[in-house]
PDB file of all heavy atoms in Angstrom:
ATOM      1  N   ASP A   1     -25.122  -4.165   6.759  1.00  0.00           N
ATOM      2  CA  ASP A   1     -24.885  -5.172   5.725  1.00  0.00           C
ATOM      3  C   ASP A   1     -23.708  -6.069   6.111  1.00  0.00           C
ATOM      4  O   ASP A   1     -22.572  -5.594   6.192  1.00  0.00           O
ATOM      5  CB  ASP A   1     -24.609  -4.471   4.406  1.00  0.00           C
ATOM      6  CG  ASP A   1     -24.364  -5.408   3.235  1.00  0.00           C
ATOM      7  OD1 ASP A   1     -24.462  -6.648   3.401  1.00  0.00           O
ATOM      8  OD2 ASP A   1     -24.077  -4.896   2.143  1.00  0.00           O
ATOM      9  N   PRO A   2     -23.948  -7.371   6.324  1.00  0.00           N
ATOM     10  CA  PRO A   2     -22.848  -8.254   6.703  1.00  0.00           C
ATOM     11  C   PRO A   2     -21.782  -8.383   5.614  1.00  0.00           C
ATOM     12  O   PRO A   2     -20.611  -8.623   5.913  1.00  0.00           O
ATOM     13  CB  PRO A   2     -23.520  -9.600   6.989  1.00  0.00           C
ATOM     14  CG  PRO A   2     -24.869  -9.517   6.376  1.00  0.00           C
ATOM     15  CD  PRO A   2     -25.224  -8.067   6.276  1.00  0.00           C
ATOM     16  N   ASP A   3     -22.169  -8.191   4.351  1.00  0.00           N
ATOM     17  CA  ASP A   3     -21.172  -8.245   3.273  1.00  0.00           C
ATOM     18  C   ASP A   3     -20.207  -7.073   3.357  1.00  0.00           C
ATOM     19  O   ASP A   3     -19.005  -7.230   3.107  1.00  0.00           O
ATOM     20  CB  ASP A   3     -21.850  -8.269   1.903  1.00  0.00           C
ATOM     21  CG  ASP A   3     -22.604  -9.569   1.646  1.00  0.00           C
ATOM     22  OD1 ASP A   3     -22.253 -10.602   2.245  1.00  0.00           O
ATOM     23  OD2 ASP A   3     -23.551  -9.539   0.837  1.00  0.00           O
ATOM     24  N   ALA A   4     -20.699  -5.894   3.719  1.00  0.00           N
ATOM     25  CA  ALA A   4     -19.822  -4.726   3.877  1.00  0.00           C
ATOM     26  C   ALA A   4     -18.864  -4.944   5.042  1.00  0.00           C
ATOM     27  O   ALA A   4     -17.671  -4.623   4.942  1.00  0.00           O
ATOM     28  CB  ALA A   4     -20.645  -3.461   4.087  1.00  0.00           C
ATOM     29  N   VAL A   5     -19.364  -5.499   6.136  1.00  0.00           N
ATOM     30  CA  VAL A   5     -18.506  -5.795   7.290  1.00  0.00           C
ATOM     31  C   VAL A   5     -17.449  -6.830   6.893  1.00  0.00           C
ATOM     32  O   VAL A   5     -16.268  -6.700   7.240  1.00  0.00           O
ATOM     33  CB  VAL A   5     -19.342  -6.280   8.491  1.00  0.00           C
ATOM     34  CG1 VAL A   5     -18.441  -6.721   9.643  1.00  0.00           C
ATOM     35  CG2 VAL A   5     -20.301  -5.192   8.943  1.00  0.00           C
ATOM     36  N   ALA A   6     -17.847  -7.839   6.131  1.00  0.00           N
ATOM     37  CA  ALA A   6     -16.900  -8.863   5.671  1.00  0.00           C
ATOM     38  C   ALA A   6     -15.831  -8.248   4.778  1.00  0.00           C
ATOM     39  O   ALA A   6     -14.655  -8.632   4.853  1.00  0.00           O
ATOM     40  CB  ALA A   6     -17.644  -9.976   4.938  1.00  0.00           C
ATOM     41  N   THR A   7     -16.218  -7.285   3.940  1.00  0.00           N
ATOM     42  CA  THR A   7     -15.246  -6.599   3.081  1.00  0.00           C
ATOM     43  C   THR A   7     -14.215  -5.861   3.920  1.00  0.00           C
ATOM     44  O   THR A   7     -13.004  -5.915   3.627  1.00  0.00           O
ATOM     45  CB  THR A   7     -15.970  -5.616   2.132  1.00  0.00           C
ATOM     46  OG1 THR A   7     -16.827  -6.361   1.270  1.00  0.00           O
ATOM     47  CG2 THR A   7     -14.988  -4.805   1.303  1.00  0.00           C
ATOM     48  N   LEU A   8     -14.650  -5.185   4.971  1.00  0.00           N
ATOM     49  CA  LEU A   8     -13.710  -4.503   5.870  1.00  0.00           C
ATOM     50  C   LEU A   8     -12.755  -5.500   6.525  1.00  0.00           C
ATOM     51  O   LEU A   8     -11.536  -5.280   6.560  1.00  0.00           O
ATOM     52  CB  LEU A   8     -14.465  -3.731   6.948  1.00  0.00           C
ATOM     53  CG  LEU A   8     -15.229  -2.497   6.498  1.00  0.00           C
ATOM     54  CD1 LEU A   8     -16.110  -1.979   7.625  1.00  0.00           C
ATOM     55  CD2 LEU A   8     -14.280  -1.410   6.013  1.00  0.00           C
ATOM     56  N   ARG A   9     -13.299  -6.585   7.026  1.00  0.00           N
ATOM     57  CA  ARG A   9     -12.455  -7.591   7.706  1.00  0.00           C
ATOM     58  C   ARG A   9     -11.455  -8.224   6.751  1.00  0.00           C
ATOM     59  O   ARG A   9     -10.298  -8.453   7.106  1.00  0.00           O
ATOM     60  CB  ARG A   9     -13.343  -8.646   8.358  1.00  0.00           C
ATOM     61  CG  ARG A   9     -14.079  -8.088   9.547  1.00  0.00           C
ATOM     62  CD  ARG A   9     -14.906  -9.130  10.252  1.00  0.00           C
ATOM     63  NE  ARG A   9     -15.540  -8.519  11.422  1.00  0.00           N
ATOM     64  CZ  ARG A   9     -16.671  -8.908  11.941  1.00  0.00           C
ATOM     65  NH1 ARG A   9     -17.319  -9.935  11.419  1.00  0.00           N
ATOM     66  NH2 ARG A   9     -17.174  -8.301  12.996  1.00  0.00           N
ATOM     67  N   GLU A  10     -11.904  -8.502   5.529  1.00  0.00           N
ATOM     68  CA  GLU A  10     -11.000  -9.093   4.542  1.00  0.00           C
ATOM     69  C   GLU A  10      -9.867  -8.132   4.201  1.00  0.00           C
ATOM     70  O   GLU A  10      -8.715  -8.539   4.094  1.00  0.00           O
ATOM     71  CB  GLU A  10     -11.765  -9.460   3.274  1.00  0.00           C
ATOM     72  CG  GLU A  10     -10.875 -10.086   2.210  1.00  0.00           C
ATOM     73  CD  GLU A  10     -11.634 -10.443   0.945  1.00  0.00           C
ATOM     74  OE1 GLU A  10     -12.872 -10.542   0.985  1.00  0.00           O
ATOM     75  OE2 GLU A  10     -10.965 -10.618  -0.084  1.00  0.00           O
ATOM     76  N   ALA A  11     -10.190  -6.852   4.032  1.00  0.00           N
ATOM     77  CA  ALA A  11      -9.156  -5.860   3.727  1.00  0.00           C
ATOM     78  C   ALA A  11      -8.109  -5.808   4.837  1.00  0.00           C
ATOM     79  O   ALA A  11      -6.909  -5.731   4.564  1.00  0.00           O
ATOM     80  CB  ALA A  11      -9.785  -4.488   3.521  1.00  0.00           C
ATOM     81  N   ILE A  12      -8.562  -5.881   6.078  1.00  0.00           N
ATOM     82  CA  ILE A  12      -7.621  -5.884   7.211  1.00  0.00           C
ATOM     83  C   ILE A  12      -6.749  -7.124   7.162  1.00  0.00           C
ATOM     84  O   ILE A  12      -5.535  -7.058   7.350  1.00  0.00           O
ATOM     85  CB  ILE A  12      -8.384  -5.765   8.539  1.00  0.00           C
ATOM     86  CG1 ILE A  12      -9.013  -4.367   8.651  1.00  0.00           C
ATOM     87  CG2 ILE A  12      -7.464  -6.058   9.730  1.00  0.00           C
ATOM     88  CD1 ILE A  12     -10.021  -4.222   9.769  1.00  0.00           C
ATOM     89  N   ASP A  13      -7.353  -8.266   6.873  1.00  0.00           N
ATOM     90  CA  ASP A  13      -6.599  -9.527   6.832  1.00  0.00           C
ATOM     91  C   ASP A  13      -5.511  -9.531   5.767  1.00  0.00           C
ATOM     92  O   ASP A  13      -4.453 -10.124   5.960  1.00  0.00           O
ATOM     93  CB  ASP A  13      -7.537 -10.707   6.585  1.00  0.00           C
ATOM     94  CG  ASP A  13      -8.390 -11.055   7.790  1.00  0.00           C
ATOM     95  OD1 ASP A  13      -8.075 -10.596   8.918  1.00  0.00           O
ATOM     96  OD2 ASP A  13      -9.385 -11.785   7.606  1.00  0.00           O
ATOM     97  N   ILE A  14      -5.791  -8.872   4.625  1.00  0.00           N
ATOM     98  CA  ILE A  14      -4.808  -8.890   3.527  1.00  0.00           C
ATOM     99  C   ILE A  14      -4.069  -7.563   3.375  1.00  0.00           C
ATOM    100  O   ILE A  14      -3.385  -7.342   2.385  1.00  0.00           O
ATOM    101  CB  ILE A  14      -5.470  -9.310   2.194  1.00  0.00           C
ATOM    102  CG1 ILE A  14      -6.531  -8.289   1.744  1.00  0.00           C
ATOM    103  CG2 ILE A  14      -6.059 -10.701   2.280  1.00  0.00           C
ATOM    104  CD1 ILE A  14      -7.067  -8.508   0.340  1.00  0.00           C
ATOM    105  N   TRP A  15      -4.221  -6.679   4.364  1.00  0.00           N
ATOM    106  CA  TRP A  15      -3.523  -5.397   4.392  1.00  0.00           C
ATOM    107  C   TRP A  15      -3.846  -4.551   3.168  1.00  0.00           C
ATOM    108  O   TRP A  15      -2.961  -3.993   2.530  1.00  0.00           O
ATOM    109  CB  TRP A  15      -2.011  -5.602   4.513  1.00  0.00           C
ATOM    110  CG  TRP A  15      -1.627  -6.497   5.629  1.00  0.00           C
ATOM    111  CD1 TRP A  15      -1.352  -7.829   5.537  1.00  0.00           C
ATOM    112  CD2 TRP A  15      -1.511  -6.168   7.016  1.00  0.00           C
ATOM    113  NE1 TRP A  15      -1.067  -8.345   6.779  1.00  0.00           N
ATOM    114  CE2 TRP A  15      -1.158  -7.331   7.708  1.00  0.00           C
ATOM    115  CE3 TRP A  15      -1.684  -4.999   7.729  1.00  0.00           C
ATOM    116  CZ2 TRP A  15      -0.962  -7.364   9.071  1.00  0.00           C
ATOM    117  CZ3 TRP A  15      -1.484  -5.030   9.103  1.00  0.00           C
ATOM    118  CH2 TRP A  15      -1.126  -6.196   9.745  1.00  0.00           C
ATOM    119  N   ALA A  16      -5.120  -4.459   2.820  1.00  0.00           N
ATOM    120  CA  ALA A  16      -5.539  -3.736   1.621  1.00  0.00           C
ATOM    121  C   ALA A  16      -6.398  -2.524   1.977  1.00  0.00           C
ATOM    122  O   ALA A  16      -7.081  -2.504   2.992  1.00  0.00           O
ATOM    123  CB  ALA A  16      -6.329  -4.663   0.710  1.00  0.00           C
ATOM    124  N   GLU A  17      -6.382  -1.544   1.091  1.00  0.00           N
ATOM    125  CA  GLU A  17      -7.238  -0.368   1.222  1.00  0.00           C
ATOM    126  C   GLU A  17      -8.649  -0.730   0.764  1.00  0.00           C
ATOM    127  O   GLU A  17      -8.826  -1.508  -0.180  1.00  0.00           O
ATOM    128  CB  GLU A  17      -6.676   0.741   0.330  1.00  0.00           C
ATOM    129  CG  GLU A  17      -7.443   2.018   0.353  1.00  0.00           C
ATOM    130  CD  GLU A  17      -6.775   3.103  -0.485  1.00  0.00           C
ATOM    131  OE1 GLU A  17      -5.559   3.043  -0.711  1.00  0.00           O
ATOM    132  OE2 GLU A  17      -7.511   4.017  -0.901  1.00  0.00           O
ATOM    133  N   THR A  18      -9.655  -0.178   1.428  1.00  0.00           N
ATOM    134  CA  THR A  18     -11.037  -0.417   1.009  1.00  0.00           C
ATOM    135  C   THR A  18     -11.950   0.694   1.501  1.00  0.00           C
ATOM    136  O   THR A  18     -11.598   1.424   2.436  1.00  0.00           O
ATOM    137  CB  THR A  18     -11.560  -1.779   1.507  1.00  0.00           C
ATOM    138  OG1 THR A  18     -12.763  -2.096   0.811  1.00  0.00           O
ATOM    139  CG2 THR A  18     -11.821  -1.781   3.004  1.00  0.00           C
ATOM    140  N   THR A  19     -13.095   0.818   0.855  1.00  0.00           N
ATOM    141  CA  THR A  19     -14.155   1.738   1.274  1.00  0.00           C
ATOM    142  C   THR A  19     -15.481   1.025   1.095  1.00  0.00           C
ATOM    143  O   THR A  19     -15.721   0.397   0.051  1.00  0.00           O
ATOM    144  CB  THR A  19     -14.145   3.025   0.437  1.00  0.00           C
ATOM    145  OG1 THR A  19     -12.888   3.694   0.620  1.00  0.00           O
ATOM    146  CG2 THR A  19     -15.266   3.972   0.848  1.00  0.00           C
ATOM    147  N   VAL A  20     -16.335   1.114   2.110  1.00  0.00           N
ATOM    148  CA  VAL A  20     -17.681   0.544   2.033  1.00  0.00           C
ATOM    149  C   VAL A  20     -18.681   1.556   2.577  1.00  0.00           C
ATOM    150  O   VAL A  20     -18.315   2.463   3.326  1.00  0.00           O
ATOM    151  CB  VAL A  20     -17.814  -0.778   2.826  1.00  0.00           C
ATOM    152  CG1 VAL A  20     -16.868  -1.835   2.288  1.00  0.00           C
ATOM    153  CG2 VAL A  20     -17.590  -0.566   4.309  1.00  0.00           C
ATOM    154  N   GLU A  21     -19.941   1.398   2.196  1.00  0.00           N
ATOM    155  CA  GLU A  21     -21.026   2.166   2.793  1.00  0.00           C
ATOM    156  C   GLU A  21     -21.956   1.184   3.479  1.00  0.00           C
ATOM    157  O   GLU A  21     -22.247   0.112   2.929  1.00  0.00           O
ATOM    158  CB  GLU A  21     -21.785   2.976   1.747  1.00  0.00           C
ATOM    159  CG  GLU A  21     -21.003   4.158   1.258  1.00  0.00           C
ATOM    160  CD  GLU A  21     -21.811   5.092   0.374  1.00  0.00           C
ATOM    161  OE1 GLU A  21     -23.056   5.007   0.369  1.00  0.00           O
ATOM    162  OE2 GLU A  21     -21.175   5.923  -0.296  1.00  0.00           O
ATOM    163  N   LEU A  22     -22.407   1.556   4.673  1.00  0.00           N
ATOM    164  CA  LEU A  22     -23.294   0.673   5.422  1.00  0.00           C
ATOM    165  C   LEU A  22     -24.104   1.456   6.431  1.00  0.00           C
ATOM    166  O   LEU A  22     -23.825   2.626   6.689  1.00  0.00           O
ATOM    167  CB  LEU A  22     -22.490  -0.432   6.116  1.00  0.00           C
ATOM    168  CG  LEU A  22     -21.252  -0.010   6.918  1.00  0.00           C
ATOM    169  CD1 LEU A  22     -21.611   0.251   8.355  1.00  0.00           C
ATOM    170  CD2 LEU A  22     -20.206  -1.082   6.824  1.00  0.00           C
ATOM    171  N   TRP A  23     -25.141   0.818   6.970  1.00  0.00           N
ATOM    172  CA  TRP A  23     -25.924   1.422   8.045  1.00  0.00           C
ATOM    173  C   TRP A  23     -25.251   1.129   9.366  1.00  0.00           C
ATOM    174  O   TRP A  23     -24.895  -0.019   9.647  1.00  0.00           O
ATOM    175  CB  TRP A  23     -27.346   0.862   8.078  1.00  0.00           C
ATOM    176  CG  TRP A  23     -28.202   1.318   6.947  1.00  0.00           C
ATOM    177  CD1 TRP A  23     -28.585   0.566   5.869  1.00  0.00           C
ATOM    178  CD2 TRP A  23     -28.764   2.609   6.763  1.00  0.00           C
ATOM    179  NE1 TRP A  23     -29.349   1.327   5.022  1.00  0.00           N
ATOM    180  CE2 TRP A  23     -29.493   2.590   5.548  1.00  0.00           C
ATOM    181  CE3 TRP A  23     -28.738   3.791   7.501  1.00  0.00           C
ATOM    182  CZ2 TRP A  23     -30.177   3.689   5.061  1.00  0.00           C
ATOM    183  CZ3 TRP A  23     -29.428   4.891   7.006  1.00  0.00           C
ATOM    184  CH2 TRP A  23     -30.129   4.834   5.813  1.00  0.00           C
ATOM    185  N   ASN A  24     -25.054   2.152  10.167  1.00  0.00           N
ATOM    186  CA  ASN A  24     -24.538   2.019  11.524  1.00  0.00           C
ATOM    187  C   ASN A  24     -25.541   2.653  12.482  1.00  0.00           C
ATOM    188  O   ASN A  24     -26.521   3.262  12.052  1.00  0.00           O
ATOM    189  CB  ASN A  24     -23.158   2.657  11.675  1.00  0.00           C
ATOM    190  CG  ASN A  24     -22.039   1.720  11.299  1.00  0.00           C
ATOM    191  OD1 ASN A  24     -22.203   0.518  11.286  1.00  0.00           O
ATOM    192  ND2 ASN A  24     -20.886   2.264  10.989  1.00  0.00           N
ATOM    193  N   TYR A  25     -25.273   2.536  13.755  1.00  0.00           N
ATOM    194  CA  TYR A  25     -26.210   2.999  14.777  1.00  0.00           C
ATOM    195  C   TYR A  25     -25.494   3.806  15.841  1.00  0.00           C
ATOM    196  O   TYR A  25     -24.399   3.450  16.264  1.00  0.00           O
ATOM    197  CB  TYR A  25     -26.898   1.795  15.436  1.00  0.00           C
ATOM    198  CG  TYR A  25     -27.784   1.059  14.471  1.00  0.00           C
ATOM    199  CD1 TYR A  25     -27.250   0.153  13.567  1.00  0.00           C
ATOM    200  CD2 TYR A  25     -29.132   1.311  14.423  1.00  0.00           C
ATOM    201  CE1 TYR A  25     -28.045  -0.501  12.648  1.00  0.00           C
ATOM    202  CE2 TYR A  25     -29.950   0.666  13.505  1.00  0.00           C
ATOM    203  CZ  TYR A  25     -29.396  -0.241  12.629  1.00  0.00           C
ATOM    204  OH  TYR A  25     -30.188  -0.869  11.708  1.00  0.00           O
ATOM    205  N   ARG A  26     -26.142   4.852  16.279  1.00  0.00           N
ATOM    206  CA  ARG A  26     -25.640   5.658  17.392  1.00  0.00           C
ATOM    207  C   ARG A  26     -25.956   4.941  18.702  1.00  0.00           C
ATOM    208  O   ARG A  26     -26.751   3.998  18.732  1.00  0.00           O
ATOM    209  CB  ARG A  26     -26.297   7.030  17.393  1.00  0.00           C
ATOM    210  CG  ARG A  26     -26.026   7.834  16.155  1.00  0.00           C
ATOM    211  CD  ARG A  26     -26.514   9.264  16.344  1.00  0.00           C
ATOM    212  NE  ARG A  26     -26.405  10.013  15.124  1.00  0.00           N
ATOM    213  CZ  ARG A  26     -25.284  10.383  14.534  1.00  0.00           C
ATOM    214  NH1 ARG A  26     -24.137  10.052  15.061  1.00  0.00           N
ATOM    215  NH2 ARG A  26     -25.287  11.079  13.428  1.00  0.00           N
ATOM    216  N   ALA A  27     -25.387   5.395  19.789  1.00  0.00           N
ATOM    217  CA  ALA A  27     -25.634   4.800  21.106  1.00  0.00           C
ATOM    218  C   ALA A  27     -27.114   4.836  21.476  1.00  0.00           C
ATOM    219  O   ALA A  27     -27.611   3.937  22.155  1.00  0.00           O
ATOM    220  CB  ALA A  27     -24.808   5.511  22.175  1.00  0.00           C
ATOM    221  N   ASP A  28     -27.833   5.859  20.976  1.00  0.00           N
ATOM    222  CA  ASP A  28     -29.261   5.957  21.283  1.00  0.00           C
ATOM    223  C   ASP A  28     -30.132   5.122  20.344  1.00  0.00           C
ATOM    224  O   ASP A  28     -31.352   5.149  20.424  1.00  0.00           O
ATOM    225  CB  ASP A  28     -29.727   7.409  21.274  1.00  0.00           C
ATOM    226  CG  ASP A  28     -29.650   8.065  19.894  1.00  0.00           C
ATOM    227  OD1 ASP A  28     -29.326   7.379  18.889  1.00  0.00           O
ATOM    228  OD2 ASP A  28     -29.931   9.269  19.799  1.00  0.00           O
ATOM    229  N   GLY A  29     -29.506   4.373  19.417  1.00  0.00           N
ATOM    230  CA  GLY A  29     -30.241   3.507  18.506  1.00  0.00           C
ATOM    231  C   GLY A  29     -30.591   4.131  17.173  1.00  0.00           C
ATOM    232  O   GLY A  29     -31.102   3.451  16.284  1.00  0.00           O
ATOM    233  N   GLU A  30     -30.304   5.433  17.000  1.00  0.00           N
ATOM    234  CA  GLU A  30     -30.597   6.085  15.724  1.00  0.00           C
ATOM    235  C   GLU A  30     -29.710   5.506  14.625  1.00  0.00           C
ATOM    236  O   GLU A  30     -28.497   5.407  14.765  1.00  0.00           O
ATOM    237  CB  GLU A  30     -30.355   7.597  15.833  1.00  0.00           C
ATOM    238  CG  GLU A  30     -30.620   8.322  14.529  1.00  0.00           C
ATOM    239  CD  GLU A  30     -30.209   9.786  14.567  1.00  0.00           C
ATOM    240  OE1 GLU A  30     -29.817  10.284  15.642  1.00  0.00           O
ATOM    241  OE2 GLU A  30     -30.274  10.426  13.511  1.00  0.00           O
ATOM    242  N   ARG A  31     -30.328   5.132  13.510  1.00  0.00           N
ATOM    243  CA  ARG A  31     -29.605   4.564  12.377  1.00  0.00           C
ATOM    244  C   ARG A  31     -29.091   5.693  11.492  1.00  0.00           C
ATOM    245  O   ARG A  31     -29.768   6.706  11.299  1.00  0.00           O
ATOM    246  CB  ARG A  31     -30.583   3.684  11.592  1.00  0.00           C
ATOM    247  CG  ARG A  31     -29.965   2.944  10.444  1.00  0.00           C
ATOM    248  CD  ARG A  31     -31.007   2.079   9.787  1.00  0.00           C
ATOM    249  NE  ARG A  31     -31.805   2.908   8.900  1.00  0.00           N
ATOM    250  CZ  ARG A  31     -32.460   2.444   7.842  1.00  0.00           C
ATOM    251  NH1 ARG A  31     -32.464   1.163   7.573  1.00  0.00           N
ATOM    252  NH2 ARG A  31     -33.139   3.261   7.073  1.00  0.00           N
ATOM    253  N   PHE A  32     -27.882   5.525  10.939  1.00  0.00           N
ATOM    254  CA  PHE A  32     -27.338   6.504   9.994  1.00  0.00           C
ATOM    255  C   PHE A  32     -26.487   5.797   8.953  1.00  0.00           C
ATOM    256  O   PHE A  32     -25.897   4.756   9.217  1.00  0.00           O
ATOM    257  CB  PHE A  32     -26.528   7.599  10.709  1.00  0.00           C
ATOM    258  CG  PHE A  32     -25.273   7.110  11.388  1.00  0.00           C
ATOM    259  CD1 PHE A  32     -24.040   7.252  10.772  1.00  0.00           C
ATOM    260  CD2 PHE A  32     -25.318   6.513  12.637  1.00  0.00           C
ATOM    261  CE1 PHE A  32     -22.873   6.816  11.381  1.00  0.00           C
ATOM    262  CE2 PHE A  32     -24.165   6.069  13.264  1.00  0.00           C
ATOM    263  CZ  PHE A  32     -22.933   6.219  12.641  1.00  0.00           C
ATOM    264  N   ARG A  33     -26.454   6.364   7.746  1.00  0.00           N
ATOM    265  CA  ARG A  33     -25.649   5.805   6.659  1.00  0.00           C
ATOM    266  C   ARG A  33     -24.220   6.286   6.841  1.00  0.00           C
ATOM    267  O   ARG A  33     -23.973   7.469   7.112  1.00  0.00           O
ATOM    268  CB  ARG A  33     -26.208   6.272   5.310  1.00  0.00           C
ATOM    269  CG  ARG A  33     -25.667   5.518   4.146  1.00  0.00           C
ATOM    270  CD  ARG A  33     -26.321   4.176   4.025  1.00  0.00           C
ATOM    271  NE  ARG A  33     -25.771   3.471   2.860  1.00  0.00           N
ATOM    272  CZ  ARG A  33     -25.730   2.169   2.761  1.00  0.00           C
ATOM    273  NH1 ARG A  33     -26.237   1.416   3.699  1.00  0.00           N
ATOM    274  NH2 ARG A  33     -25.213   1.606   1.712  1.00  0.00           N
ATOM    275  N   ASN A  34     -23.270   5.374   6.680  1.00  0.00           N
ATOM    276  CA  ASN A  34     -21.882   5.658   6.997  1.00  0.00           C
ATOM    277  C   ASN A  34     -20.977   5.125   5.887  1.00  0.00           C
ATOM    278  O   ASN A  34     -21.169   4.010   5.406  1.00  0.00           O
ATOM    279  CB  ASN A  34     -21.561   4.954   8.326  1.00  0.00           C
ATOM    280  CG  ASN A  34     -20.325   5.456   8.997  1.00  0.00           C
ATOM    281  OD1 ASN A  34     -19.960   6.600   8.882  1.00  0.00           O
ATOM    282  ND2 ASN A  34     -19.692   4.589   9.742  1.00  0.00           N
ATOM    283  N   ARG A  35     -20.001   5.926   5.470  1.00  0.00           N
ATOM    284  CA  ARG A  35     -18.955   5.476   4.546  1.00  0.00           C
ATOM    285  C   ARG A  35     -17.691   5.277   5.384  1.00  0.00           C
ATOM    286  O   ARG A  35     -17.246   6.197   6.075  1.00  0.00           O
ATOM    287  CB  ARG A  35     -18.700   6.507   3.452  1.00  0.00           C
ATOM    288  CG  ARG A  35     -17.633   6.063   2.455  1.00  0.00           C
ATOM    289  CD  ARG A  35     -17.426   7.103   1.353  1.00  0.00           C
ATOM    290  NE  ARG A  35     -18.656   7.351   0.631  1.00  0.00           N
ATOM    291  CZ  ARG A  35     -19.265   8.542   0.563  1.00  0.00           C
ATOM    292  NH1 ARG A  35     -18.761   9.602   1.163  1.00  0.00           N
ATOM    293  NH2 ARG A  35     -20.391   8.688  -0.115  1.00  0.00           N
ATOM    294  N   VAL A  36     -17.132   4.087   5.324  1.00  0.00           N
ATOM    295  CA  VAL A  36     -15.939   3.761   6.097  1.00  0.00           C
ATOM    296  C   VAL A  36     -14.805   3.445   5.122  1.00  0.00           C
ATOM    297  O   VAL A  36     -14.959   2.596   4.237  1.00  0.00           O
ATOM    298  CB  VAL A  36     -16.175   2.550   7.025  1.00  0.00           C
ATOM    299  CG1 VAL A  36     -14.915   2.202   7.810  1.00  0.00           C
ATOM    300  CG2 VAL A  36     -17.347   2.804   7.961  1.00  0.00           C
TER     301      VAL A  36
END
């Protein structure tokens, strides 16, 4: 989700705490749900 990635980047820019859930991928291409 590009909105979740944008939320992470915005938090870094403004030095804020945040948590998002999104789909990520392993090196072999397997998709998994991830909370960051």
